[in-house]
Every structure is written in C-alpha cells, then in structure tokens.
Amino acid sequence: MVDFWSLGVLVFEMCCGWSPFYAEDTQQMYKNIAFGKVRFPRDTLTTEGRNFVKGLLNRNPKHRLGANDDAEELKR
C-alpha cells in the first residue's frame, strides 16, 4: 500500500518551504497533525494544486486521494 498522506506532506513542503503542520512546540505539532487545518501561503499553488494536496492530506484514509484507484486516481 502506498502512503499518499506522506506524498501530500512532501508536495506541500516542496511547494511552500515548510511542513503543513509545523509548530515550534512538539505537542502543538501533534495537535496540528490530528486536528489542524492546512493553510497555504498566498499565491503558492493554484486552486487545483491546493485541492490535490488537500486530497492527499485527508485524515480519513478511506476518503484520501488515491484510496480507491491508487495512482490512477491521482492522474485525473
């Protein structure tokens, strides 16, 4: 099984320059991972790009982008 959530983190970091769940405090970072909203810097990604990353970072593995058709779903 491929870990598309990790791919979402990697794509976000490559495009934005920091982790989507970054916090100086480790406990806060864990809270951000579990409950936080991903915030994109202005003018970093198109709406389509943001939706792609958000789909990869969906906390529910059953609803995550790629969960149904693996890489074929990512190509659409």
N, C-alpha and C. Protein backbone atom coordinates (compact mmCIF):
# COMPACT_ATOMS: atom_id res chain seq x y z
N MET A 1 0.85 -1.19 0.00
CA MET A 1 0.00 0.00 0.00
C MET A 1 0.89 1.25 0.00
N VAL A 2 0.53 2.19 -0.80
CA VAL A 2 1.29 3.43 -0.91
C VAL A 2 0.77 4.44 0.11
N ASP A 3 1.67 5.22 0.67
CA ASP A 3 1.28 6.21 1.67
C ASP A 3 1.11 7.57 0.99
N PHE A 4 -0.09 7.84 0.52
CA PHE A 4 -0.36 9.09 -0.18
C PHE A 4 -0.36 10.29 0.76
N TRP A 5 -0.63 10.06 2.05
CA TRP A 5 -0.59 11.16 3.02
C TRP A 5 0.83 11.73 3.09
N SER A 6 1.82 10.86 3.13
CA SER A 6 3.22 11.32 3.15
C SER A 6 3.57 12.07 1.88
N LEU A 7 3.03 11.62 0.76
CA LEU A 7 3.24 12.33 -0.50
C LEU A 7 2.66 13.74 -0.41
N GLY A 8 1.50 13.88 0.21
CA GLY A 8 0.90 15.20 0.39
C GLY A 8 1.77 16.12 1.23
N VAL A 9 2.35 15.57 2.30
CA VAL A 9 3.26 16.36 3.15
C VAL A 9 4.47 16.79 2.33
N LEU A 10 5.04 15.86 1.57
CA LEU A 10 6.22 16.16 0.77
C LEU A 10 5.93 17.22 -0.30
N VAL A 11 4.82 17.09 -1.00
CA VAL A 11 4.46 18.07 -2.03
C VAL A 11 4.25 19.45 -1.40
N PHE A 12 3.56 19.50 -0.26
CA PHE A 12 3.35 20.77 0.43
C PHE A 12 4.70 21.40 0.79
N GLU A 13 5.60 20.61 1.38
CA GLU A 13 6.90 21.13 1.78
C GLU A 13 7.71 21.62 0.59
N MET A 14 7.65 20.90 -0.52
CA MET A 14 8.39 21.31 -1.72
C MET A 14 7.84 22.61 -2.30
N CYS A 15 6.53 22.79 -2.26
CA CYS A 15 5.91 23.99 -2.83
C CYS A 15 5.94 25.19 -1.90
N CYS A 16 5.82 24.95 -0.60
CA CYS A 16 5.66 26.05 0.35
C CYS A 16 6.91 26.33 1.18
N GLY A 17 7.78 25.35 1.33
CA GLY A 17 9.02 25.57 2.06
C GLY A 17 8.97 25.22 3.53
N TRP A 18 7.85 24.70 4.01
CA TRP A 18 7.75 24.26 5.40
C TRP A 18 6.69 23.17 5.50
N SER A 19 6.65 22.52 6.65
CA SER A 19 5.69 21.44 6.88
C SER A 19 4.27 22.00 6.99
N PRO A 20 3.27 21.28 6.49
CA PRO A 20 1.90 21.76 6.60
C PRO A 20 1.39 21.78 8.04
N PHE A 21 2.08 21.12 8.95
CA PHE A 21 1.63 21.03 10.34
C PHE A 21 2.65 21.63 11.30
N TYR A 22 3.55 22.46 10.80
CA TYR A 22 4.65 22.98 11.60
C TYR A 22 4.18 23.74 12.83
N ALA A 23 4.89 23.49 13.91
CA ALA A 23 4.75 24.26 15.15
C ALA A 23 6.07 24.12 15.89
N GLU A 24 6.48 25.17 16.59
CA GLU A 24 7.73 25.10 17.35
C GLU A 24 7.63 24.11 18.49
N ASP A 25 6.45 23.98 19.06
CA ASP A 25 6.20 23.06 20.17
C ASP A 25 5.77 21.70 19.62
N THR A 26 6.43 20.64 20.06
CA THR A 26 6.13 19.30 19.56
C THR A 26 4.69 18.89 19.82
N GLN A 27 4.18 19.18 21.00
CA GLN A 27 2.79 18.82 21.32
C GLN A 27 1.81 19.55 20.40
N GLN A 28 2.09 20.81 20.12
CA GLN A 28 1.23 21.57 19.21
C GLN A 28 1.31 20.99 17.80
N MET A 29 2.49 20.55 17.39
CA MET A 29 2.64 19.94 16.08
C MET A 29 1.77 18.68 15.99
N TYR A 30 1.77 17.86 17.04
CA TYR A 30 0.92 16.66 17.05
C TYR A 30 -0.56 17.04 16.95
N LYS A 31 -0.95 18.10 17.65
CA LYS A 31 -2.34 18.57 17.57
C LYS A 31 -2.67 19.04 16.16
N ASN A 32 -1.72 19.75 15.55
CA ASN A 32 -1.93 20.22 14.18
C ASN A 32 -2.12 19.05 13.22
N ILE A 33 -1.32 18.00 13.40
CA ILE A 33 -1.44 16.82 12.54
C ILE A 33 -2.81 16.17 12.72
N ALA A 34 -3.25 16.06 13.97
CA ALA A 34 -4.51 15.38 14.26
C ALA A 34 -5.75 16.22 13.95
N PHE A 35 -5.66 17.54 14.18
CA PHE A 35 -6.87 18.36 14.11
C PHE A 35 -6.73 19.65 13.31
N GLY A 36 -5.52 20.07 13.02
CA GLY A 36 -5.29 21.39 12.42
C GLY A 36 -5.71 21.47 10.96
N LYS A 37 -5.98 22.68 10.54
CA LYS A 37 -6.34 22.95 9.15
C LYS A 37 -5.06 23.32 8.39
N VAL A 38 -4.90 22.77 7.21
CA VAL A 38 -3.73 23.09 6.39
C VAL A 38 -3.94 24.46 5.78
N ARG A 39 -2.97 25.33 5.98
CA ARG A 39 -3.05 26.70 5.44
C ARG A 39 -1.94 26.89 4.40
N PHE A 40 -2.34 27.38 3.26
CA PHE A 40 -1.41 27.59 2.16
C PHE A 40 -1.01 29.06 2.10
N PRO A 41 0.26 29.34 1.85
CA PRO A 41 0.64 30.74 1.64
C PRO A 41 0.01 31.26 0.35
N ARG A 42 -0.25 32.53 0.35
CA ARG A 42 -0.90 33.16 -0.80
C ARG A 42 -0.03 32.99 -2.06
N ASP A 43 -0.67 32.73 -3.16
CA ASP A 43 -0.03 32.64 -4.48
C ASP A 43 1.01 31.53 -4.59
N THR A 44 0.91 30.49 -3.77
CA THR A 44 1.88 29.40 -3.85
C THR A 44 1.41 28.31 -4.80
N LEU A 45 0.16 27.96 -4.72
CA LEU A 45 -0.40 26.90 -5.57
C LEU A 45 -1.71 27.39 -6.19
N THR A 46 -2.02 26.83 -7.33
CA THR A 46 -3.32 27.12 -7.94
C THR A 46 -4.41 26.44 -7.10
N THR A 47 -5.65 26.77 -7.38
CA THR A 47 -6.76 26.11 -6.70
C THR A 47 -6.70 24.60 -6.94
N GLU A 48 -6.39 24.21 -8.15
CA GLU A 48 -6.27 22.78 -8.48
C GLU A 48 -5.14 22.14 -7.67
N GLY A 49 -4.02 22.83 -7.54
CA GLY A 49 -2.89 22.32 -6.76
C GLY A 49 -3.23 22.18 -5.29
N ARG A 50 -3.93 23.17 -4.76
CA ARG A 50 -4.35 23.11 -3.36
C ARG A 50 -5.31 21.94 -3.12
N ASN A 51 -6.25 21.76 -4.03
CA ASN A 51 -7.19 20.65 -3.89
C ASN A 51 -6.48 19.30 -3.97
N PHE A 52 -5.46 19.21 -4.81
CA PHE A 52 -4.67 17.99 -4.92
C PHE A 52 -3.98 17.68 -3.59
N VAL A 53 -3.31 18.68 -3.02
CA VAL A 53 -2.61 18.48 -1.74
C VAL A 53 -3.61 18.18 -0.62
N LYS A 54 -4.71 18.93 -0.58
CA LYS A 54 -5.73 18.67 0.44
C LYS A 54 -6.28 17.25 0.32
N GLY A 55 -6.46 16.78 -0.90
CA GLY A 55 -6.93 15.41 -1.10
C GLY A 55 -5.96 14.38 -0.57
N LEU A 56 -4.67 14.63 -0.77
CA LEU A 56 -3.65 13.73 -0.25
C LEU A 56 -3.56 13.78 1.26
N LEU A 57 -3.85 14.93 1.85
CA LEU A 57 -3.73 15.10 3.30
C LEU A 57 -5.03 14.82 4.05
N ASN A 58 -6.01 14.28 3.38
CA ASN A 58 -7.26 13.93 4.05
C ASN A 58 -6.96 12.94 5.18
N ARG A 59 -7.39 13.26 6.38
CA ARG A 59 -7.08 12.42 7.55
C ARG A 59 -7.74 11.04 7.49
N ASN A 60 -8.84 10.94 6.79
CA ASN A 60 -9.54 9.66 6.67
C ASN A 60 -8.95 8.88 5.50
N PRO A 61 -8.23 7.80 5.76
CA PRO A 61 -7.60 7.04 4.67
C PRO A 61 -8.58 6.54 3.62
N LYS A 62 -9.82 6.31 3.99
CA LYS A 62 -10.82 5.82 3.03
C LYS A 62 -11.25 6.91 2.05
N HIS A 63 -11.10 8.17 2.45
CA HIS A 63 -11.51 9.29 1.60
C HIS A 63 -10.31 10.02 0.99
N ARG A 64 -9.13 9.60 1.32
CA ARG A 64 -7.90 10.24 0.84
C ARG A 64 -7.76 10.03 -0.67
N LEU A 65 -7.24 11.03 -1.35
CA LEU A 65 -6.97 10.92 -2.77
C LEU A 65 -6.04 9.74 -3.00
N GLY A 66 -6.40 8.87 -3.91
CA GLY A 66 -5.61 7.67 -4.19
C GLY A 66 -6.09 6.45 -3.45
N ALA A 67 -7.04 6.59 -2.56
CA ALA A 67 -7.51 5.46 -1.75
C ALA A 67 -8.28 4.43 -2.58
N ASN A 68 -8.93 4.88 -3.63
CA ASN A 68 -9.77 3.96 -4.40
C ASN A 68 -9.05 3.32 -5.57
N ASP A 69 -8.38 4.12 -6.37
CA ASP A 69 -7.74 3.60 -7.58
C ASP A 69 -6.24 3.82 -7.59
N ASP A 70 -5.65 4.01 -6.43
CA ASP A 70 -4.21 4.25 -6.31
C ASP A 70 -3.76 5.36 -7.24
N ALA A 71 -2.68 5.16 -7.96
CA ALA A 71 -2.09 6.21 -8.78
C ALA A 71 -3.01 6.65 -9.91
N GLU A 72 -3.89 5.79 -10.36
CA GLU A 72 -4.82 6.17 -11.43
C GLU A 72 -5.70 7.33 -10.99
N GLU A 73 -6.07 7.34 -9.73
CA GLU A 73 -6.90 8.42 -9.20
C GLU A 73 -6.13 9.74 -9.18
N LEU A 74 -4.83 9.67 -8.95
CA LEU A 74 -4.01 10.88 -8.91
C LEU A 74 -3.85 11.50 -10.29
N LYS A 75 -3.93 10.70 -11.32
CA LYS A 75 -3.75 11.19 -12.69
C LYS A 75 -4.92 12.02 -13.18
N ARG A 76 -6.09 11.88 -12.54
CA ARG A 76 -7.29 12.58 -13.01
C ARG A 76 -7.30 14.02 -12.64
